[in-house]
Amino acid sequence: MNIQQVCERILSTGELTREEHMQLMSSCLNDGLVNQDERHTINRVLDEIQFGKLTFVQAEVAA
């Protein structure tokens, strides 16, 4: 799943894992890794976290 798909899933479900959060944060901090559209979508997710509109959940462990 690419960054855009991860963000869209997070925004549509209202849930994200700590791992996804760290992935998005490191993508933002690593210049050149994301394009302008991806950065905008990541910022939307981060804004939703700040406003308390997203819930952190435990990552599902594959069997």
Protein backbone atom coordinates (compact mmCIF):
# COMPACT_ATOMS: atom_id res chain seq x y z
CA MET A 1 0.00 0.00 0.00
CA ASN A 2 1.43 3.40 -0.90
CA ILE A 3 1.27 6.51 1.31
CA GLN A 4 -1.82 7.86 -0.47
CA GLN A 5 -3.69 4.57 0.01
CA VAL A 6 -2.70 4.36 3.67
CA CYS A 7 -3.93 7.90 4.29
CA GLU A 8 -7.21 7.33 2.48
CA ARG A 9 -7.83 4.16 4.50
CA ILE A 10 -7.06 6.00 7.74
CA LEU A 11 -9.36 8.89 6.85
CA SER A 12 -12.19 6.59 5.77
CA THR A 13 -12.02 4.32 8.85
CA GLY A 14 -11.06 6.94 11.40
CA GLU A 15 -8.42 4.59 12.80
CA LEU A 16 -4.67 4.23 12.56
CA THR A 17 -1.94 2.26 14.25
CA ARG A 18 1.11 3.71 15.97
CA GLU A 19 3.20 2.11 13.22
CA GLU A 20 1.21 3.92 10.51
CA HIS A 21 1.60 7.17 12.44
CA MET A 22 5.37 6.69 12.62
CA GLN A 23 5.49 5.82 8.90
CA LEU A 24 3.64 9.02 8.01
CA MET A 25 5.78 11.16 10.31
CA SER A 26 9.06 9.79 8.96
CA SER A 27 7.78 10.22 5.37
CA CYS A 28 7.10 13.89 6.08
CA LEU A 29 10.49 14.44 7.67
CA ASN A 30 12.37 12.72 4.86
CA ASP A 31 12.54 15.39 2.14
CA GLY A 32 12.06 14.06 -1.36
CA LEU A 33 10.32 10.87 -0.24
CA VAL A 34 6.79 12.20 -0.80
CA ASN A 35 5.36 14.49 -3.44
CA GLN A 36 3.24 17.57 -2.77
CA ASP A 37 -0.10 15.70 -3.05
CA GLU A 38 1.05 12.98 -0.65
CA ARG A 39 2.33 15.59 1.80
CA HIS A 40 -1.04 17.37 1.67
CA THR A 41 -2.86 14.10 2.40
CA ILE A 42 -0.48 13.26 5.26
CA ASN A 43 -1.11 16.73 6.70
CA ARG A 44 -4.86 16.05 6.57
CA VAL A 45 -4.31 12.90 8.63
CA LEU A 46 -2.09 14.74 11.12
CA ASP A 47 -4.69 17.51 11.45
CA GLU A 48 -7.40 14.92 12.16
CA ILE A 49 -5.18 13.45 14.90
CA GLN A 50 -4.75 16.89 16.47
CA PHE A 51 -8.50 17.49 16.44
CA GLY A 52 -9.14 14.10 18.06
CA LYS A 53 -11.06 12.77 15.06
CA LEU A 54 -8.88 9.67 14.62
CA THR A 55 -8.46 6.75 17.01
CA PHE A 56 -5.24 4.87 17.58
CA VAL A 57 -5.74 1.10 17.45
CA GLN A 58 -3.54 -1.94 18.01
CA ALA A 59 -2.00 -3.41 14.87
CA GLU A 60 -3.55 -6.73 13.90
CA VAL A 61 -1.14 -9.63 14.06
CA ALA A 62 -1.23 -11.92 11.02
CA ALA A 63 -1.82 -15.55 11.92
